[in-house]
PDB file of N, CA and C in Angstrom:
ATOM      1  N   MET A   1     -21.797 -15.406  -0.289  1.00  0.00           N
ATOM      2  CA  MET A   1     -20.835 -14.703   0.540  1.00  0.00           C
ATOM      3  C   MET A   1     -19.519 -14.570  -0.227  1.00  0.00           C
ATOM      4  N   THR A   2     -18.948 -13.394  -0.181  1.00  0.00           N
ATOM      5  CA  THR A   2     -17.678 -13.129  -0.853  1.00  0.00           C
ATOM      6  C   THR A   2     -16.532 -13.349   0.123  1.00  0.00           C
ATOM      7  N   HIS A   3     -15.530 -14.099  -0.293  1.00  0.00           N
ATOM      8  CA  HIS A   3     -14.348 -14.310   0.539  1.00  0.00           C
ATOM      9  C   HIS A   3     -13.399 -13.136   0.355  1.00  0.00           C
ATOM     10  N   GLU A   4     -12.696 -12.797   1.413  1.00  0.00           N
ATOM     11  CA  GLU A   4     -11.777 -11.650   1.385  1.00  0.00           C
ATOM     12  C   GLU A   4     -10.793 -11.735   0.225  1.00  0.00           C
ATOM     13  N   SER A   5     -10.318 -12.923  -0.089  1.00  0.00           N
ATOM     14  CA  SER A   5      -9.335 -13.070  -1.169  1.00  0.00           C
ATOM     15  C   SER A   5      -9.922 -12.743  -2.538  1.00  0.00           C
ATOM     16  N   GLU A   6     -11.254 -12.728  -2.659  1.00  0.00           N
ATOM     17  CA  GLU A   6     -11.912 -12.421  -3.927  1.00  0.00           C
ATOM     18  C   GLU A   6     -12.164 -10.928  -4.116  1.00  0.00           C
ATOM     19  N   LEU A   7     -11.977 -10.136  -3.074  1.00  0.00           N
ATOM     20  CA  LEU A   7     -12.270  -8.709  -3.148  1.00  0.00           C
ATOM     21  C   LEU A   7     -11.149  -7.959  -3.853  1.00  0.00           C
ATOM     22  N   GLU A   8     -11.525  -6.953  -4.630  1.00  0.00           N
ATOM     23  CA  GLU A   8     -10.551  -6.083  -5.300  1.00  0.00           C
ATOM     24  C   GLU A   8     -10.544  -4.741  -4.576  1.00  0.00           C
ATOM     25  N   TRP A   9      -9.533  -4.531  -3.754  1.00  0.00           N
ATOM     26  CA  TRP A   9      -9.431  -3.340  -2.916  1.00  0.00           C
ATOM     27  C   TRP A   9      -8.817  -2.182  -3.692  1.00  0.00           C
ATOM     28  N   PHE A  10      -9.293  -0.963  -3.388  1.00  0.00           N
ATOM     29  CA  PHE A  10      -8.723   0.233  -4.009  1.00  0.00           C
ATOM     30  C   PHE A  10      -8.783   1.390  -3.037  1.00  0.00           C
ATOM     31  N   LYS A  11      -7.942   2.404  -3.300  1.00  0.00           N
ATOM     32  CA  LYS A  11      -7.936   3.648  -2.526  1.00  0.00           C
ATOM     33  C   LYS A  11      -8.347   4.788  -3.444  1.00  0.00           C
ATOM     34  N   SER A  12      -8.839   5.841  -2.853  1.00  0.00           N
ATOM     35  CA  SER A  12      -9.212   7.029  -3.606  1.00  0.00           C
ATOM     36  C   SER A  12      -7.990   7.670  -4.246  1.00  0.00           C
ATOM     37  N   SER A  13      -8.187   8.261  -5.399  1.00  0.00           N
ATOM     38  CA  SER A  13      -7.099   9.013  -6.035  1.00  0.00           C
ATOM     39  C   SER A  13      -6.760  10.263  -5.223  1.00  0.00           C
ATOM     40  N   TYR A  14      -7.615  10.654  -4.294  1.00  0.00           N
ATOM     41  CA  TYR A  14      -7.368  11.810  -3.436  1.00  0.00           C
ATOM     42  C   TYR A  14      -6.552  11.448  -2.199  1.00  0.00           C
ATOM     43  N   SER A  15      -6.111  10.211  -2.069  1.00  0.00           N
ATOM     44  CA  SER A  15      -5.421   9.774  -0.852  1.00  0.00           C
ATOM     45  C   SER A  15      -3.924  10.014  -0.888  1.00  0.00           C
ATOM     46  N   ASP A  16      -3.447  10.869  -1.752  1.00  0.00           N
ATOM     47  CA  ASP A  16      -2.016  11.153  -1.856  1.00  0.00           C
ATOM     48  C   ASP A  16      -1.633  12.248  -0.867  1.00  0.00           C
ATOM     49  N   SER A  17      -1.559  11.884   0.416  1.00  0.00           N
ATOM     50  CA  SER A  17      -1.269  12.867   1.462  1.00  0.00           C
ATOM     51  C   SER A  17       0.195  12.887   1.864  1.00  0.00           C
ATOM     52  N   GLY A  18       1.044  12.212   1.134  1.00  0.00           N
ATOM     53  CA  GLY A  18       2.443  12.127   1.510  1.00  0.00           C
ATOM     54  C   GLY A  18       2.750  10.830   2.233  1.00  0.00           C
ATOM     55  N   ASP A  19       1.791  10.328   2.987  1.00  0.00           N
ATOM     56  CA  ASP A  19       1.927   9.026   3.649  1.00  0.00           C
ATOM     57  C   ASP A  19       1.038   8.053   2.897  1.00  0.00           C
ATOM     58  N   ILE A  20       1.642   7.160   2.144  1.00  0.00           N
ATOM     59  CA  ILE A  20       0.857   6.294   1.265  1.00  0.00           C
ATOM     60  C   ILE A  20      -0.099   5.377   2.014  1.00  0.00           C
ATOM     61  N   ASN A  21       0.095   5.214   3.320  1.00  0.00           N
ATOM     62  CA  ASN A  21      -0.794   4.352   4.099  1.00  0.00           C
ATOM     63  C   ASN A  21      -1.827   5.130   4.894  1.00  0.00           C
ATOM     64  N   ASP A  22      -1.949   6.416   4.648  1.00  0.00           N
ATOM     65  CA  ASP A  22      -2.857   7.271   5.402  1.00  0.00           C
ATOM     66  C   ASP A  22      -4.224   7.293   4.731  1.00  0.00           C
ATOM     67  N   CYS A  23      -4.880   6.159   4.699  1.00  0.00           N
ATOM     68  CA  CYS A  23      -6.138   6.079   3.963  1.00  0.00           C
ATOM     69  C   CYS A  23      -6.878   4.804   4.342  1.00  0.00           C
ATOM     70  N   VAL A  24      -8.092   4.699   3.843  1.00  0.00           N
ATOM     71  CA  VAL A  24      -8.823   3.442   3.909  1.00  0.00           C
ATOM     72  C   VAL A  24      -8.883   2.861   2.509  1.00  0.00           C
ATOM     73  N   GLU A  25      -9.114   1.574   2.431  1.00  0.00           N
ATOM     74  CA  GLU A  25      -9.303   0.904   1.156  1.00  0.00           C
ATOM     75  C   GLU A  25     -10.737   0.406   1.098  1.00  0.00           C
ATOM     76  N   VAL A  26     -11.282   0.363  -0.100  1.00  0.00           N
ATOM     77  CA  VAL A  26     -12.671  -0.035  -0.313  1.00  0.00           C
ATOM     78  C   VAL A  26     -12.712  -1.140  -1.354  1.00  0.00           C
ATOM     79  N   ALA A  27     -13.600  -2.094  -1.145  1.00  0.00           N
ATOM     80  CA  ALA A  27     -13.880  -3.133  -2.139  1.00  0.00           C
ATOM     81  C   ALA A  27     -15.395  -3.258  -2.234  1.00  0.00           C
ATOM     82  N   THR A  28     -15.914  -3.293  -3.435  1.00  0.00           N
ATOM     83  CA  THR A  28     -17.364  -3.338  -3.603  1.00  0.00           C
ATOM     84  C   THR A  28     -17.812  -4.644  -4.238  1.00  0.00           C
ATOM     85  N   THR A  29     -18.978  -5.085  -3.812  1.00  0.00           N
ATOM     86  CA  THR A  29     -19.702  -6.179  -4.440  1.00  0.00           C
ATOM     87  C   THR A  29     -21.116  -5.654  -4.657  1.00  0.00           C
ATOM     88  N   PRO A  30     -21.956  -6.343  -5.394  1.00  0.00           N
ATOM     89  CA  PRO A  30     -23.307  -5.824  -5.611  1.00  0.00           C
ATOM     90  C   PRO A  30     -24.087  -5.565  -4.316  1.00  0.00           C
ATOM     91  N   ALA A  31     -23.853  -6.351  -3.276  1.00  0.00           N
ATOM     92  CA  ALA A  31     -24.640  -6.223  -2.052  1.00  0.00           C
ATOM     93  C   ALA A  31     -23.915  -5.552  -0.897  1.00  0.00           C
ATOM     94  N   THR A  32     -22.594  -5.360  -1.001  1.00  0.00           N
ATOM     95  CA  THR A  32     -21.821  -4.897   0.149  1.00  0.00           C
ATOM     96  C   THR A  32     -20.667  -4.002  -0.272  1.00  0.00           C
ATOM     97  N   VAL A  33     -20.403  -2.986   0.562  1.00  0.00           N
ATOM     98  CA  VAL A  33     -19.202  -2.160   0.416  1.00  0.00           C
ATOM     99  C   VAL A  33     -18.321  -2.488   1.618  1.00  0.00           C
ATOM    100  N   HIS A  34     -17.130  -2.993   1.356  1.00  0.00           N
ATOM    101  CA  HIS A  34     -16.181  -3.381   2.393  1.00  0.00           C
ATOM    102  C   HIS A  34     -15.158  -2.260   2.548  1.00  0.00           C
ATOM    103  N   VAL A  35     -14.806  -1.936   3.798  1.00  0.00           N
ATOM    104  CA  VAL A  35     -13.864  -0.852   4.086  1.00  0.00           C
ATOM    105  C   VAL A  35     -12.845  -1.365   5.094  1.00  0.00           C
ATOM    106  N   ARG A  36     -11.552  -1.101   4.813  1.00  0.00           N
ATOM    107  CA  ARG A  36     -10.508  -1.530   5.741  1.00  0.00           C
ATOM    108  C   ARG A  36      -9.437  -0.451   5.863  1.00  0.00           C
ATOM    109  N   ASP A  37      -8.665  -0.544   6.931  1.00  0.00           N
ATOM    110  CA  ASP A  37      -7.549   0.362   7.181  1.00  0.00           C
ATOM    111  C   ASP A  37      -6.380  -0.054   6.301  1.00  0.00           C
ATOM    112  N   SER A  38      -5.842   0.879   5.546  1.00  0.00           N
ATOM    113  CA  SER A  38      -4.734   0.543   4.648  1.00  0.00           C
ATOM    114  C   SER A  38      -3.415   0.347   5.394  1.00  0.00           C
ATOM    115  N   LYS A  39      -3.335   0.798   6.656  1.00  0.00           N
ATOM    116  CA  LYS A  39      -2.087   0.649   7.412  1.00  0.00           C
ATOM    117  C   LYS A  39      -1.834  -0.796   7.826  1.00  0.00           C
ATOM    118  N   ASP A  40      -2.905  -1.553   8.062  1.00  0.00           N
ATOM    119  CA  ASP A  40      -2.765  -2.970   8.423  1.00  0.00           C
ATOM    120  C   ASP A  40      -3.941  -3.727   7.824  1.00  0.00           C
ATOM    121  N   THR A  41      -3.763  -4.218   6.640  1.00  0.00           N
ATOM    122  CA  THR A  41      -4.850  -4.868   5.900  1.00  0.00           C
ATOM    123  C   THR A  41      -5.219  -6.234   6.471  1.00  0.00           C
ATOM    124  N   ARG A  42      -4.477  -6.707   7.463  1.00  0.00           N
ATOM    125  CA  ARG A  42      -4.814  -7.984   8.102  1.00  0.00           C
ATOM    126  C   ARG A  42      -5.914  -7.825   9.144  1.00  0.00           C
ATOM    127  N   LEU A  43      -6.155  -6.603   9.580  1.00  0.00           N
ATOM    128  CA  LEU A  43      -7.204  -6.357  10.567  1.00  0.00           C
ATOM    129  C   LEU A  43      -8.576  -6.594   9.946  1.00  0.00           C
ATOM    130  N   PRO A  44      -9.595  -6.842  10.780  1.00  0.00           N
ATOM    131  CA  PRO A  44     -10.950  -7.018  10.240  1.00  0.00           C
ATOM    132  C   PRO A  44     -11.416  -5.763   9.507  1.00  0.00           C
ATOM    133  N   HIS A  45     -12.324  -5.942   8.584  1.00  0.00           N
ATOM    134  CA  HIS A  45     -12.855  -4.794   7.846  1.00  0.00           C
ATOM    135  C   HIS A  45     -14.327  -4.590   8.189  1.00  0.00           C
ATOM    136  N   LEU A  46     -14.828  -3.415   7.864  1.00  0.00           N
ATOM    137  CA  LEU A  46     -16.236  -3.087   8.051  1.00  0.00           C
ATOM    138  C   LEU A  46     -16.993  -3.408   6.776  1.00  0.00           C
ATOM    139  N   ALA A  47     -18.272  -3.706   6.910  1.00  0.00           N
ATOM    140  CA  ALA A  47     -19.108  -3.986   5.746  1.00  0.00           C
ATOM    141  C   ALA A  47     -20.394  -3.175   5.860  1.00  0.00           C
ATOM    142  N   PHE A  48     -20.751  -2.495   4.778  1.00  0.00           N
ATOM    143  CA  PHE A  48     -21.935  -1.651   4.719  1.00  0.00           C
ATOM    144  C   PHE A  48     -22.799  -2.056   3.531  1.00  0.00           C
ATOM    145  N   THR A  49     -24.083  -1.769   3.618  1.00  0.00           N
ATOM    146  CA  THR A  49     -24.903  -1.875   2.417  1.00  0.00           C
ATOM    147  C   THR A  49     -24.515  -0.707   1.520  1.00  0.00           C
ATOM    148  N   PRO A  50     -24.701  -0.828   0.218  1.00  0.00           N
ATOM    149  CA  PRO A  50     -24.390   0.315  -0.652  1.00  0.00           C
ATOM    150  C   PRO A  50     -25.138   1.586  -0.241  1.00  0.00           C
ATOM    151  N   ARG A  51     -26.377   1.457   0.185  1.00  0.00           N
ATOM    152  CA  ARG A  51     -27.157   2.630   0.595  1.00  0.00           C
ATOM    153  C   ARG A  51     -26.556   3.292   1.836  1.00  0.00           C
ATOM    154  N   ALA A  52     -26.163   2.483   2.812  1.00  0.00           N
ATOM    155  CA  ALA A  52     -25.553   3.036   4.029  1.00  0.00           C
ATOM    156  C   ALA A  52     -24.221   3.710   3.709  1.00  0.00           C
ATOM    157  N   TRP A  53     -23.425   3.097   2.844  1.00  0.00           N
ATOM    158  CA  TRP A  53     -22.134   3.679   2.463  1.00  0.00           C
ATOM    159  C   TRP A  53     -22.339   5.007   1.743  1.00  0.00           C
ATOM    160  N   THR A  54     -23.277   5.062   0.823  1.00  0.00           N
ATOM    161  CA  THR A  54     -23.566   6.303   0.099  1.00  0.00           C
ATOM    162  C   THR A  54     -23.995   7.400   1.068  1.00  0.00           C
ATOM    163  N   GLY A  55     -24.822   7.051   2.032  1.00  0.00           N
ATOM    164  CA  GLY A  55     -25.242   8.019   3.039  1.00  0.00           C
ATOM    165  C   GLY A  55     -24.080   8.525   3.868  1.00  0.00           C
ATOM    166  N   PHE A  56     -23.193   7.636   4.262  1.00  0.00           N
ATOM    167  CA  PHE A  56     -22.014   8.028   5.034  1.00  0.00           C
ATOM    168  C   PHE A  56     -21.116   8.954   4.232  1.00  0.00           C
ATOM    169  N   VAL A  57     -20.790   8.563   3.009  1.00  0.00           N
ATOM    170  CA  VAL A  57     -19.878   9.353   2.178  1.00  0.00           C
ATOM    171  C   VAL A  57     -20.472  10.725   1.861  1.00  0.00           C
ATOM    172  N   SER A  58     -21.770  10.802   1.691  1.00  0.00           N
ATOM    173  CA  SER A  58     -22.386  12.099   1.376  1.00  0.00           C
ATOM    174  C   SER A  58     -22.275  13.075   2.545  1.00  0.00           C
ATOM    175  N   GLN A  59     -22.086  12.567   3.757  1.00  0.00           N
ATOM    176  CA  GLN A  59     -21.965  13.422   4.939  1.00  0.00           C
ATOM    177  C   GLN A  59     -20.516  13.624   5.380  1.00  0.00           C
ATOM    178  N   ALA A  60     -19.601  12.877   4.813  1.00  0.00           N
ATOM    179  CA  ALA A  60     -18.187  12.951   5.235  1.00  0.00           C
ATOM    180  C   ALA A  60     -17.485  14.121   4.581  1.00  0.00           C
TER     181      ALA A  60
END
């Protein structure tokens, strides 16, 4: 299990909408893709399998 403090969060280079917090952040591990709201990073985050995340992003 990966602890939150061990995750390396990043935002898309396409997230430059004028509001620097108008985005989600993603952190990946071999088994899980973690997604959180960049406006309040203290809130719980979502966790997806890489396959589920790829499927979601391909439809977004």
